[in-house]
N, C-alpha and C. Protein backbone atom coordinates (compact mmCIF):
# COMPACT_ATOMS: atom_id res chain seq x y z
N MET A 1 0.63 -1.11 0.00
CA MET A 1 -0.26 0.02 0.01
C MET A 1 1.05 1.24 -0.07
N ASN A 2 0.56 2.07 -0.99
CA ASN A 2 1.48 3.55 -1.06
C ASN A 2 0.99 4.47 0.26
N LEU A 3 1.81 5.16 0.33
CA LEU A 3 1.85 6.38 1.38
C LEU A 3 0.34 6.99 1.59
N GLY A 4 -0.10 7.46 0.06
CA GLY A 4 -1.38 8.28 -0.25
C GLY A 4 -2.72 7.25 0.10
N ASN A 5 -2.89 5.87 0.22
CA ASN A 5 -3.67 4.94 0.22
C ASN A 5 -3.67 5.20 1.98
N LEU A 6 -2.40 4.73 2.41
CA LEU A 6 -2.36 4.34 3.89
C LEU A 6 -2.84 6.08 4.86
N LEU A 7 -2.38 7.17 3.94
CA LEU A 7 -2.87 8.30 4.87
C LEU A 7 -4.46 8.05 5.04
N GLN A 8 -5.05 7.97 3.44
CA GLN A 8 -6.75 8.26 3.42
C GLN A 8 -6.97 6.88 4.50
N ASP A 9 -6.62 5.76 4.64
CA ASP A 9 -7.11 4.85 5.33
C ASP A 9 -6.89 5.10 6.76
N SER A 10 -6.20 5.81 7.17
CA SER A 10 -5.47 6.00 8.55
C SER A 10 -6.56 6.98 9.10
N LEU A 11 -6.89 8.13 7.99
CA LEU A 11 -7.57 9.35 8.32
C LEU A 11 -9.13 9.14 8.65
N GLU A 12 -9.47 8.39 7.51
CA GLU A 12 -11.16 8.09 7.69
C GLU A 12 -11.56 7.31 8.71
N ILE A 13 -10.21 6.07 9.25
CA ILE A 13 -10.74 5.61 10.41
C ILE A 13 -10.96 6.83 11.58
N LYS A 14 -10.24 7.97 11.53
CA LYS A 14 -10.57 8.96 12.53
C LYS A 14 -11.65 9.69 12.06
N ASN A 15 -12.37 9.59 11.47
CA ASN A 15 -13.48 10.24 10.96
C ASN A 15 -13.44 11.34 10.19
N TYR A 16 -12.33 11.63 9.41
CA TYR A 16 -12.14 12.65 8.74
C TYR A 16 -12.52 12.11 7.38
N ASP A 17 -13.19 13.25 6.37
CA ASP A 17 -13.42 13.16 5.23
C ASP A 17 -12.26 13.38 4.42
N VAL A 18 -11.68 12.29 3.41
CA VAL A 18 -10.47 12.42 2.65
C VAL A 18 -10.67 12.49 1.27
N VAL A 19 -10.32 13.32 0.48
CA VAL A 19 -9.86 12.83 -0.85
C VAL A 19 -8.56 12.97 -1.35
N LEU A 20 -8.23 11.65 -1.91
CA LEU A 20 -7.07 11.42 -2.25
C LEU A 20 -6.70 11.68 -3.90
N LYS A 21 -6.12 12.70 -3.91
CA LYS A 21 -5.07 12.75 -5.56
C LYS A 21 -3.78 12.46 -5.80
N ARG A 22 -3.60 11.81 -6.99
CA ARG A 22 -2.57 11.00 -7.27
C ARG A 22 -1.40 12.05 -7.96
N ASN A 23 -1.83 12.99 -8.51
CA ASN A 23 -0.82 14.03 -8.83
C ASN A 23 -1.04 15.52 -8.27
N GLY A 24 -0.19 16.71 -8.52
CA GLY A 24 -0.52 17.81 -8.02
C GLY A 24 -1.24 18.43 -9.12
N GLU A 25 -1.62 18.06 -10.09
CA GLU A 25 -2.34 18.71 -11.21
C GLU A 25 -3.60 18.24 -10.86
N ASP A 26 -3.85 17.19 -10.82
CA ASP A 26 -5.38 16.53 -10.47
C ASP A 26 -5.88 17.52 -9.05
N ALA A 27 -4.75 17.39 -8.12
CA ALA A 27 -5.68 18.00 -7.03
C ALA A 27 -5.69 19.89 -7.10
N PHE A 28 -4.61 20.26 -7.87
CA PHE A 28 -5.16 21.55 -8.21
C PHE A 28 -6.58 21.95 -8.98
N ASN A 29 -6.50 21.07 -9.73
CA ASN A 29 -8.09 21.31 -10.41
C ASN A 29 -9.23 20.82 -9.75
N ASP A 30 -9.30 20.24 -8.68
CA ASP A 30 -10.10 19.50 -7.84
C ASP A 30 -10.14 20.91 -6.84
N PHE A 31 -9.07 21.21 -6.46
CA PHE A 31 -9.27 22.45 -5.46
C PHE A 31 -10.19 23.50 -5.96
N LYS A 32 -10.04 24.22 -7.30
CA LYS A 32 -10.77 25.18 -7.72
C LYS A 32 -12.05 24.84 -7.96
N VAL A 33 -12.60 23.54 -7.74
CA VAL A 33 -14.19 23.64 -7.35
C VAL A 33 -14.66 22.98 -6.47
N ASN A 34 -13.96 22.65 -5.12
CA ASN A 34 -14.38 22.25 -4.09
C ASN A 34 -13.84 22.92 -2.87
N LYS A 35 -14.29 22.79 -1.84
CA LYS A 35 -13.99 23.48 -0.29
C LYS A 35 -13.24 22.75 0.43
N TYR A 36 -12.06 22.70 0.76
CA TYR A 36 -11.31 21.82 1.96
C TYR A 36 -10.99 22.64 2.78
N ASP A 37 -10.84 21.83 4.54
CA ASP A 37 -10.61 22.33 5.68
C ASP A 37 -9.28 22.25 5.60
N MET A 38 -8.53 21.63 5.01
CA MET A 38 -7.12 21.44 5.08
C MET A 38 -6.29 20.72 3.93
N CYS A 39 -5.28 20.80 3.77
CA CYS A 39 -4.45 20.12 2.44
C CYS A 39 -3.17 19.56 2.83
N ILE A 40 -2.85 18.22 2.50
CA ILE A 40 -1.70 17.64 3.02
C ILE A 40 -0.70 17.40 1.39
N PHE A 41 0.21 17.99 1.41
CA PHE A 41 0.95 17.73 -0.32
C PHE A 41 2.40 16.75 0.33
N ASP A 42 2.34 16.06 -0.28
CA ASP A 42 3.72 15.53 -0.61
C ASP A 42 4.57 16.27 -1.44
N VAL A 43 5.71 16.67 -1.07
CA VAL A 43 6.67 17.64 -2.03
C VAL A 43 6.98 16.87 -3.57
N MET A 44 7.09 15.53 -3.58
CA MET A 44 7.58 14.95 -4.66
C MET A 44 6.49 14.26 -5.29
N MET A 45 5.48 15.07 -6.19
CA MET A 45 4.65 14.23 -6.99
C MET A 45 4.40 14.48 -8.24
N PRO A 46 4.00 13.94 -9.11
CA PRO A 46 3.98 13.92 -10.17
C PRO A 46 3.17 15.01 -10.96
N LYS A 47 3.48 15.55 -12.13
CA LYS A 47 3.06 16.56 -13.18
C LYS A 47 2.94 18.00 -12.33
N LYS A 48 2.46 18.25 -10.95
CA LYS A 48 2.91 19.42 -10.52
C LYS A 48 3.57 19.02 -9.09
N ASP A 49 4.66 19.51 -8.57
CA ASP A 49 5.09 19.06 -7.12
C ASP A 49 4.46 19.96 -6.07
N GLY A 50 4.75 19.53 -5.01
CA GLY A 50 4.09 20.19 -3.82
C GLY A 50 3.95 21.60 -3.71
N PHE A 51 5.53 21.92 -3.70
CA PHE A 51 5.42 23.35 -3.78
C PHE A 51 4.76 24.48 -4.93
N THR A 52 5.09 23.86 -5.90
CA THR A 52 4.47 24.32 -7.39
C THR A 52 2.86 24.49 -6.68
N LEU A 53 2.36 23.33 -6.39
CA LEU A 53 0.80 23.43 -6.23
C LEU A 53 0.31 24.06 -4.72
N ALA A 54 1.31 24.48 -4.00
CA ALA A 54 1.26 25.56 -2.81
C ALA A 54 1.14 26.67 -3.14
N LYS A 55 1.92 26.88 -4.23
CA LYS A 55 2.01 28.46 -4.78
C LYS A 55 0.86 28.60 -5.56
N ASP A 56 0.33 27.64 -6.41
CA ASP A 56 -1.12 28.19 -7.07
C ASP A 56 -2.22 28.05 -6.20
N ILE A 57 -1.94 27.47 -4.90
CA ILE A 57 -3.23 27.78 -4.39
C ILE A 57 -3.29 28.65 -3.51
N ARG A 58 -2.05 29.04 -2.75
CA ARG A 58 -2.01 30.34 -2.41
C ARG A 58 -2.36 31.57 -2.77
N ARG A 59 -2.57 31.45 -4.36
CA ARG A 59 -3.04 32.66 -5.21
C ARG A 59 -4.32 32.45 -5.21
N MET A 60 -5.02 31.50 -4.63
CA MET A 60 -6.66 31.29 -4.47
C MET A 60 -7.08 31.83 -3.48
N ASN A 61 -6.22 31.05 -2.48
CA ASN A 61 -6.61 31.21 -1.07
C ASN A 61 -5.34 31.33 0.05
N ASN A 62 -5.43 32.06 0.50
CA ASN A 62 -4.42 32.30 1.56
C ASN A 62 -4.70 31.69 3.03
N ASN A 63 -5.93 31.25 3.57
CA ASN A 63 -6.41 30.76 4.65
C ASN A 63 -6.34 29.46 4.99
N VAL A 64 -6.52 28.38 3.79
CA VAL A 64 -6.38 26.86 4.14
C VAL A 64 -5.26 26.55 4.63
N PRO A 65 -5.41 25.59 5.46
CA PRO A 65 -3.91 25.17 6.11
C PRO A 65 -3.47 24.06 5.40
N ILE A 66 -1.68 23.83 5.04
CA ILE A 66 -1.37 23.50 4.23
C ILE A 66 -0.17 22.70 5.17
N ILE A 67 -0.18 21.46 4.97
CA ILE A 67 1.02 20.38 5.71
C ILE A 67 1.69 19.92 4.69
N PHE A 68 3.12 20.07 4.81
CA PHE A 68 3.91 19.24 3.57
C PHE A 68 4.51 18.41 4.12
N LEU A 69 4.71 16.88 3.22
CA LEU A 69 5.22 15.71 3.65
C LEU A 69 6.31 15.82 2.68
N THR A 70 7.47 15.17 3.16
CA THR A 70 8.78 14.81 2.54
C THR A 70 9.85 13.67 3.07
N ALA A 71 10.16 13.37 1.94
CA ALA A 71 11.36 12.33 2.42
C ALA A 71 12.81 12.99 2.57
N LYS A 72 13.09 14.37 2.46
CA LYS A 72 14.10 15.38 2.45
C LYS A 72 13.69 16.07 3.81
N ALA A 73 15.11 15.88 4.57
CA ALA A 73 15.42 16.52 5.70
C ALA A 73 16.09 18.09 5.50
N MET A 74 16.19 18.47 4.28
CA MET A 74 17.57 19.33 4.34
C MET A 74 16.39 20.68 4.83
N LYS A 75 17.45 21.73 5.34
CA LYS A 75 17.15 22.89 5.94
C LYS A 75 16.48 23.81 4.40
N GLU A 76 16.87 23.80 3.65
CA GLU A 76 16.60 24.55 2.70
C GLU A 76 15.04 24.30 2.11
N ASP A 77 14.26 22.77 2.16
CA ASP A 77 13.17 22.62 1.98
C ASP A 77 12.34 23.06 2.95
N THR A 78 12.45 22.94 3.97
CA THR A 78 12.01 23.66 5.16
C THR A 78 11.56 24.97 5.10
N ILE A 79 12.35 25.84 4.81
CA ILE A 79 12.58 26.99 4.71
C ILE A 79 11.21 27.77 3.67
N GLU A 80 11.84 26.94 2.09
CA GLU A 80 10.70 27.03 1.22
C GLU A 80 9.62 26.84 1.45
N GLY A 81 9.10 25.62 2.28
CA GLY A 81 7.62 25.24 2.34
C GLY A 81 7.28 26.62 3.28
N LEU A 82 8.09 27.23 4.32
CA LEU A 82 7.34 28.00 5.22
C LEU A 82 7.25 29.28 4.41
N LYS A 83 8.13 29.64 3.68
CA LYS A 83 8.12 30.81 2.70
C LYS A 83 6.91 30.71 1.99
N LEU A 84 6.30 29.37 1.89
CA LEU A 84 5.09 29.34 0.66
C LEU A 84 3.83 29.76 1.88
N GLY A 85 4.20 29.84 3.01
CA GLY A 85 2.52 29.62 3.75
C GLY A 85 2.73 28.25 4.40
N ALA A 86 3.29 27.27 4.36
CA ALA A 86 2.92 26.17 4.90
C ALA A 86 2.80 26.11 6.47
N ASP A 87 1.86 25.46 7.34
CA ASP A 87 1.63 25.71 8.46
C ASP A 87 2.20 24.49 9.24
N ASP A 88 2.62 23.31 8.74
CA ASP A 88 3.40 22.39 9.03
C ASP A 88 4.18 21.52 8.23
N TYR A 89 5.20 20.83 8.88
CA TYR A 89 6.26 20.46 7.98
C TYR A 89 6.40 18.80 8.37
N LEU A 90 6.33 17.57 7.60
CA LEU A 90 6.61 16.59 8.37
C LEU A 90 7.44 15.57 7.36
N THR A 91 8.93 15.32 8.31
CA THR A 91 9.84 14.39 7.27
C THR A 91 9.60 13.08 7.42
N LYS A 92 9.15 12.29 6.20
CA LYS A 92 9.44 10.94 6.18
C LYS A 92 10.58 10.04 6.55
N PRO A 93 10.09 9.03 7.32
CA PRO A 93 9.26 8.64 7.64
C PRO A 93 8.37 9.33 9.23
N PHE A 94 6.81 9.19 9.25
CA PHE A 94 6.55 9.47 10.34
C PHE A 94 5.10 9.06 10.98
N SER A 95 4.84 9.07 12.02
CA SER A 95 3.64 8.26 12.58
C SER A 95 2.31 8.99 12.37
N MET A 96 1.32 8.17 12.05
CA MET A 96 -0.15 8.46 12.12
C MET A 96 -0.44 9.74 13.17
N GLU A 97 -0.15 8.89 14.54
CA GLU A 97 0.03 9.78 15.63
C GLU A 97 0.41 11.23 15.37
N GLU A 98 1.58 11.36 15.03
CA GLU A 98 2.54 12.73 14.76
C GLU A 98 1.48 13.68 13.70
N LEU A 99 0.89 13.19 12.89
CA LEU A 99 0.46 13.59 11.54
C LEU A 99 -0.74 14.21 12.36
N THR A 100 -1.83 13.29 12.70
CA THR A 100 -3.15 13.70 13.21
C THR A 100 -3.10 14.71 14.48
N LEU A 101 -1.72 14.60 15.49
CA LEU A 101 -1.58 15.89 16.30
C LEU A 101 -1.50 16.99 15.82
N ARG A 102 -0.61 16.98 14.83
CA ARG A 102 -0.32 18.15 14.20
C ARG A 102 -1.52 18.96 13.42
N MET A 103 -2.29 17.91 13.06
CA MET A 103 -3.50 18.37 12.34
C MET A 103 -4.65 18.69 13.27
N GLU A 104 -4.78 18.43 14.38
CA GLU A 104 -5.48 18.88 15.40
C GLU A 104 -5.04 20.17 15.98
N ASN A 105 -3.68 20.53 16.19
CA ASN A 105 -3.33 21.47 16.60
C ASN A 105 -3.58 23.03 15.90
N ILE A 106 -3.43 22.45 14.28
CA ILE A 106 -3.79 23.35 13.36
C ILE A 106 -5.20 23.77 13.46
N PHE A 107 -6.32 22.70 13.63
CA PHE A 107 -7.39 23.29 13.44
C PHE A 107 -8.20 24.05 14.85
N LYS A 108 -7.25 23.48 16.01
CA LYS A 108 -7.30 24.41 17.32
C LYS A 108 -7.04 25.83 17.07
N ARG A 109 -6.20 26.20 16.15
CA ARG A 109 -6.09 27.73 16.00
C ARG A 109 -7.02 28.65 15.03
N LEU A 110 -7.55 27.50 14.17
CA LEU A 110 -8.32 28.28 13.79
C LEU A 110 -9.53 28.87 14.10
N PRO A 111 -10.52 30.11 13.85
CA PRO A 111 -11.39 30.62 14.52
C PRO A 111 -12.49 29.74 14.57
N LYS A 112 -13.22 29.36 15.77
CA LYS A 112 -14.32 28.39 16.05
C LYS A 112 -15.68 28.91 15.26
N THR A 113 -15.77 30.29 14.77
CA THR A 113 -16.81 30.90 14.35
C THR A 113 -16.63 30.60 12.90
N GLU A 114 -15.77 29.88 12.45
CA GLU A 114 -15.71 29.68 10.80
C GLU A 114 -16.15 28.26 10.66
N VAL A 115 -16.18 27.28 11.64
CA VAL A 115 -16.62 26.27 11.15
C VAL A 115 -17.75 26.25 11.95
N SER A 116 -18.56 26.95 12.06
CA SER A 116 -19.96 26.69 13.27
C SER A 116 -20.80 26.16 12.40
N ASN A 117 -21.48 24.92 13.12
CA ASN A 117 -22.65 24.10 12.67
C ASN A 117 -23.75 24.78 12.69
N GLN A 118 -24.04 25.96 13.45
CA GLN A 118 -25.24 26.78 13.73
C GLN A 118 -25.91 27.15 12.28
N ASN A 119 -27.21 26.58 11.94
CA ASN A 119 -27.82 27.24 10.97
C ASN A 119 -29.11 28.15 10.77
N LYS A 120 -29.45 28.11 12.24
CA LYS A 120 -30.55 28.96 12.63
C LYS A 120 -30.32 30.25 13.47
N PHE A 121 -30.86 31.32 12.71
CA PHE A 121 -30.21 32.57 13.93
C PHE A 121 -31.53 33.59 14.20
N GLN A 122 -31.33 34.22 15.04
CA GLN A 122 -32.57 35.43 14.93
C GLN A 122 -31.68 36.53 14.93
N ILE A 123 -31.90 37.26 14.15
CA ILE A 123 -31.31 38.46 13.61
C ILE A 123 -32.46 39.78 13.93
N GLY A 124 -32.47 40.54 14.97
CA GLY A 124 -33.61 40.99 15.43
C GLY A 124 -35.04 40.48 15.17
N GLU A 125 -35.64 41.08 14.31
CA GLU A 125 -36.89 40.71 14.07
C GLU A 125 -36.96 39.55 12.87
N PHE A 126 -36.00 39.18 12.62
CA PHE A 126 -35.70 38.27 11.44
C PHE A 126 -35.56 36.89 11.89
N GLU A 127 -36.03 36.03 11.29
CA GLU A 127 -35.62 34.42 11.90
C GLU A 127 -34.97 33.96 10.48
N PHE A 128 -33.75 33.61 10.84
CA PHE A 128 -32.92 33.25 9.50
C PHE A 128 -32.41 31.69 9.38
N ASP A 129 -32.94 31.04 8.74
CA ASP A 129 -32.55 29.76 8.46
C ASP A 129 -31.66 29.17 7.31
N ASN A 130 -30.24 28.82 7.73
CA ASN A 130 -29.32 28.76 6.28
C ASN A 130 -29.78 27.27 5.62
N THR A 131 -30.31 26.33 6.53
CA THR A 131 -30.57 25.18 6.03
C THR A 131 -31.32 25.56 4.76
N ILE A 132 -32.63 26.05 4.87
CA ILE A 132 -33.36 25.96 4.06
C ILE A 132 -33.46 27.61 2.96
N ARG A 133 -32.53 28.10 3.62
CA ARG A 133 -32.14 29.43 2.56
C ARG A 133 -33.44 30.76 2.98
N THR A 134 -33.87 30.52 4.18
CA THR A 134 -35.07 31.51 4.39
C THR A 134 -34.97 32.60 5.14
N LEU A 135 -35.40 33.62 5.12
CA LEU A 135 -35.13 34.78 6.06
C LEU A 135 -36.69 35.50 6.32
N LYS A 136 -37.40 35.16 7.67
CA LYS A 136 -38.61 35.47 7.86
C LYS A 136 -38.99 36.53 8.68
N ARG A 137 -39.62 37.43 8.60
CA ARG A 137 -40.04 38.52 9.85
C ARG A 137 -41.52 38.51 9.80
N GLY A 138 -41.98 38.04 10.68
CA GLY A 138 -43.66 37.90 10.86
C GLY A 138 -44.28 36.97 9.83
N GLU A 139 -44.90 36.97 8.51
CA GLU A 139 -45.53 36.38 7.67
C GLU A 139 -45.11 36.42 6.69
N THR A 140 -43.75 37.26 6.59
CA THR A 140 -43.32 37.73 5.32
C THR A 140 -42.02 36.86 5.14
N GLU A 141 -41.64 36.24 4.17
CA GLU A 141 -40.54 35.30 4.28
C GLU A 141 -39.77 35.38 2.55
N VAL A 142 -38.38 35.74 2.57
CA VAL A 142 -37.77 35.88 1.62
C VAL A 142 -36.80 34.52 1.44
N LYS A 143 -36.94 33.97 0.10
CA LYS A 143 -36.08 32.85 -0.25
C LYS A 143 -34.81 33.34 -0.44
N LEU A 144 -33.22 33.03 0.05
CA LEU A 144 -31.98 33.52 -0.13
C LEU A 144 -31.71 32.54 -1.55
N THR A 145 -31.06 33.07 -2.30
CA THR A 145 -29.76 32.34 -3.21
C THR A 145 -28.96 31.55 -2.09
N THR A 146 -28.09 30.96 -2.63
CA THR A 146 -27.05 29.95 -2.06
C THR A 146 -26.03 30.92 -1.19
N LYS A 147 -25.63 31.81 -2.28
CA LYS A 147 -24.67 32.85 -1.46
C LYS A 147 -25.06 33.73 -0.88
N GLU A 148 -26.46 34.24 -1.06
CA GLU A 148 -27.02 35.10 -0.25
C GLU A 148 -27.05 34.33 1.23
N SER A 149 -27.37 33.52 1.39
CA SER A 149 -27.47 32.81 2.61
C SER A 149 -26.31 32.35 3.37
N GLU A 150 -25.26 31.92 2.61
CA GLU A 150 -23.94 31.98 3.23
C GLU A 150 -23.34 32.77 3.77
N LEU A 151 -23.34 33.90 2.90
CA LEU A 151 -22.95 35.62 3.30
C LEU A 151 -23.50 36.13 4.47
N LEU A 152 -24.75 35.60 4.70
CA LEU A 152 -25.41 36.29 5.89
C LEU A 152 -25.26 35.24 6.85
N LYS A 153 -25.21 34.06 6.95
CA LYS A 153 -24.82 33.07 7.96
C LYS A 153 -23.14 33.82 8.56
N MET A 154 -22.58 33.96 7.67
CA MET A 154 -21.05 34.45 7.73
C MET A 154 -21.44 35.83 8.69
N LEU A 155 -21.79 36.60 8.32
CA LEU A 155 -22.54 37.71 9.11
C LEU A 155 -22.95 37.41 10.45
N ALA A 156 -23.91 36.66 10.38
CA ALA A 156 -24.68 36.34 11.68
C ALA A 156 -23.58 35.60 12.69
N ILE A 157 -22.89 34.84 12.45
CA ILE A 157 -21.98 34.42 13.22
C ILE A 157 -20.88 35.51 13.85
N TYR A 158 -20.87 36.16 13.26
CA TYR A 158 -19.38 37.36 13.58
C TYR A 158 -20.45 38.72 14.31
N LEU A 159 -21.78 38.26 14.26
CA LEU A 159 -22.66 39.60 15.03
C LEU A 159 -21.96 40.17 16.00
N ASP A 160 -22.04 41.75 15.56
CA ASP A 160 -21.32 42.65 16.62
C ASP A 160 -20.03 42.53 16.04
N ARG A 161 -19.50 41.81 15.67
CA ARG A 161 -17.74 41.67 15.30
C ARG A 161 -17.77 41.82 14.08
N VAL A 162 -16.40 42.28 13.70
CA VAL A 162 -16.16 42.62 12.40
C VAL A 162 -15.51 41.46 11.69
N LEU A 163 -16.30 41.45 10.26
CA LEU A 163 -16.12 40.12 9.40
C LEU A 163 -15.49 40.55 8.37
N GLU A 164 -13.76 40.20 8.36
CA GLU A 164 -13.14 40.32 7.09
C GLU A 164 -13.25 40.28 5.86
N ARG A 165 -13.02 40.74 4.86
CA ARG A 165 -13.28 40.51 3.46
C ARG A 165 -12.94 39.26 3.00
N GLU A 166 -11.65 39.02 3.52
CA GLU A 166 -10.87 38.16 3.11
C GLU A 166 -11.33 36.88 3.29
N VAL A 167 -11.94 36.93 4.88
CA VAL A 167 -12.28 35.88 5.43
C VAL A 167 -13.66 35.44 4.86
N ALA A 168 -14.39 36.33 4.33
CA ALA A 168 -15.82 36.12 4.23
C ALA A 168 -15.87 35.31 2.73
N LEU A 169 -14.78 36.25 1.91
CA LEU A 169 -14.69 35.68 0.49
C LEU A 169 -14.10 34.41 0.33
N ASN A 170 -13.07 33.89 1.10
CA ASN A 170 -12.50 32.63 1.12
C ASN A 170 -13.51 31.57 1.98
N ALA A 171 -14.45 31.87 2.41
CA ALA A 171 -15.55 30.90 3.33
C ALA A 171 -16.70 30.91 1.89
N VAL A 172 -16.83 31.69 1.55
CA VAL A 172 -18.42 31.87 0.65
C VAL A 172 -18.00 31.62 -0.64
N TRP A 173 -17.16 32.42 -1.64
CA TRP A 173 -16.43 32.33 -3.02
C TRP A 173 -15.46 31.09 -3.01
N GLY A 174 -14.70 30.91 -2.14
CA GLY A 174 -13.46 30.14 -2.00
C GLY A 174 -12.21 30.77 -2.75
N THR A 175 -12.28 32.30 -2.94
CA THR A 175 -11.20 33.06 -3.45
C THR A 175 -11.36 34.65 -2.81
N ASP A 176 -10.26 35.19 -2.90
CA ASP A 176 -10.54 36.53 -2.47
C ASP A 176 -9.84 37.55 -3.66
N SER A 177 -10.43 37.44 -4.81
CA SER A 177 -9.74 37.81 -5.93
C SER A 177 -10.78 39.22 -6.10
N TYR A 178 -10.40 39.92 -7.07
CA TYR A 178 -11.07 41.21 -7.49
C TYR A 178 -12.56 40.79 -7.74
N PHE A 179 -12.83 39.98 -8.74
CA PHE A 179 -13.91 39.82 -9.06
C PHE A 179 -14.91 39.27 -8.03
N ALA A 180 -14.21 38.53 -7.32
CA ALA A 180 -14.94 37.92 -6.15
C ALA A 180 -15.52 38.76 -5.10
N GLY A 181 -14.59 40.33 -4.84
CA GLY A 181 -14.81 40.77 -4.28
C GLY A 181 -16.08 41.95 -4.76
N ARG A 182 -16.41 42.19 -6.07
CA ARG A 182 -17.19 42.95 -6.61
C ARG A 182 -18.31 42.31 -6.34
N SER A 183 -18.20 41.06 -6.83
CA SER A 183 -19.45 40.04 -6.39
C SER A 183 -19.90 40.29 -4.82
N MET A 184 -19.14 40.16 -3.91
CA MET A 184 -19.84 40.34 -2.73
C MET A 184 -20.35 41.59 -2.51
N ASP A 185 -19.72 42.67 -2.79
CA ASP A 185 -20.59 44.01 -2.81
C ASP A 185 -21.75 44.19 -3.00
N VAL A 186 -22.38 43.39 -4.22
CA VAL A 186 -23.34 43.34 -4.81
C VAL A 186 -24.70 42.56 -3.68
N TYR A 187 -24.04 41.36 -3.23
CA TYR A 187 -24.81 40.48 -2.27
C TYR A 187 -24.96 41.23 -0.69
N ILE A 188 -23.75 41.91 -0.58
CA ILE A 188 -24.18 42.93 0.65
C ILE A 188 -24.95 43.89 0.61
N ALA A 189 -25.20 44.46 -0.67
CA ALA A 189 -26.32 45.31 -1.28
C ALA A 189 -27.64 44.82 -1.09
N LYS A 190 -27.43 43.42 -1.45
CA LYS A 190 -28.99 42.60 -1.75
C LYS A 190 -29.51 42.31 -0.13
N LEU A 191 -28.78 42.07 0.96
CA LEU A 191 -28.86 41.40 1.87
C LEU A 191 -29.31 42.96 2.98
N ARG A 192 -28.73 43.93 2.84
CA ARG A 192 -29.11 45.54 3.05
C ARG A 192 -30.54 45.68 2.83
N LYS A 193 -31.01 45.35 1.35
CA LYS A 193 -32.20 45.35 1.33
C LYS A 193 -33.15 44.73 1.77
N TYR A 194 -32.93 43.40 2.25
CA TYR A 194 -33.94 42.38 2.86
C TYR A 194 -33.85 42.82 4.32
N LEU A 195 -32.85 43.48 4.78
CA LEU A 195 -32.80 43.79 6.33
C LEU A 195 -33.45 45.14 6.92
N LYS A 196 -33.56 45.60 5.89
CA LYS A 196 -33.92 47.14 6.01
C LYS A 196 -35.47 47.52 6.71
N GLU A 197 -36.02 46.25 6.39
CA GLU A 197 -37.56 46.18 7.21
C GLU A 197 -37.45 46.08 8.53
N ASP A 198 -36.30 45.92 9.28
CA ASP A 198 -36.18 45.83 10.70
C ASP A 198 -35.15 47.16 10.87
N PRO A 199 -35.36 48.46 11.33
CA PRO A 199 -34.64 49.52 11.56
C PRO A 199 -33.26 49.08 12.42
N ASN A 200 -33.61 48.01 13.07
CA ASN A 200 -32.88 48.11 14.12
C ASN A 200 -31.64 47.13 13.85
N VAL A 201 -31.58 46.69 12.54
CA VAL A 201 -30.44 45.46 11.86
C VAL A 201 -29.69 46.34 10.84
N GLU A 202 -28.62 46.46 10.94
CA GLU A 202 -27.67 47.01 10.10
C GLU A 202 -26.46 46.50 9.68
N ILE A 203 -25.99 46.49 8.51
CA ILE A 203 -24.90 45.84 7.99
C ILE A 203 -23.75 47.12 7.54
N LEU A 204 -22.54 47.42 8.50
CA LEU A 204 -21.98 48.55 8.29
C LEU A 204 -20.57 48.14 7.37
N ASN A 205 -20.26 49.11 6.80
CA ASN A 205 -19.09 49.15 5.79
C ASN A 205 -17.71 49.31 7.04
N ILE A 206 -16.56 48.53 7.43
CA ILE A 206 -15.50 49.03 8.21
C ILE A 206 -14.27 49.33 7.10
N HIS A 207 -14.02 50.44 7.03
CA HIS A 207 -13.47 50.87 5.82
C HIS A 207 -11.77 50.37 5.83
N GLY A 208 -11.43 49.64 4.95
CA GLY A 208 -10.44 48.58 4.60
C GLY A 208 -10.13 47.37 5.14
N THR A 209 -11.51 47.01 6.28
CA THR A 209 -11.24 45.58 6.80
C THR A 209 -12.33 44.76 6.49
N GLY A 210 -13.80 45.39 6.42
CA GLY A 210 -14.87 44.46 6.09
C GLY A 210 -16.18 44.73 6.34
N PHE A 211 -16.98 44.13 7.05
CA PHE A 211 -18.35 44.46 7.37
C PHE A 211 -18.63 44.13 8.89
N LYS A 212 -19.60 44.47 9.26
CA LYS A 212 -19.89 44.16 10.87
C LYS A 212 -21.56 44.73 10.71
N MET A 213 -22.21 43.26 11.13
CA MET A 213 -23.91 43.68 11.29
C MET A 213 -23.73 43.91 12.77
N ILE A 214 -24.94 44.55 13.00
CA ILE A 214 -25.36 44.82 14.32
C ILE A 214 -27.04 44.95 14.22
N VAL A 215 -27.34 44.85 15.58
CA VAL A 215 -28.47 44.58 16.09
C VAL A 215 -28.71 45.91 17.21
N LYS A 216 -29.27 46.84 16.69
CA LYS A 216 -29.48 47.90 17.87
C LYS A 216 -30.68 47.41 18.75
N LYS A 217 -30.18 47.64 20.24
CA LYS A 217 -31.10 47.11 21.40
C LYS A 217 -31.87 48.21 21.22
């Protein structure tokens, strides 16, 4: 059994959802259309090596944690990985216990709100249900699009706190590109239009940083 299969089997036993790709090119193509909580890259991969793959992914997403696996113990490789924004670095051979411990330590450092399982929120006079994408106020109900609902969930999770643009973009759009940013501004305007029925609910622009949804007492 090769390392990829061994890692997949071992992590799935620990209840992680795992997607295994055999080369860096396939991994990058998959990353462009799917969201992942963590990436584990072997530095030596066919078609696109781990360092090149990390560079490409960091152009799309600065936040997803990356762990490098390598057979090399050279200091230069470690430095290269850290320069690319790696969160951790393991030299083969290593134990699965060590890998899962490092994964868990990285997950502990992530903001808990970003992985919240809550889907129902009271926002002023509104009842928001992200599972069925509805925003209700009294007898009036608005059906939200997927992105409207995902963005409102982020704002609700960060209620009375600043939701940074980059965090929202990567969570909802999977990229913090210029065009995604313009798209998000359009969706913020739509959410403001829905929420204006309750004058106590407001989405504020925090200049140069992001947004803050507040509910006035």
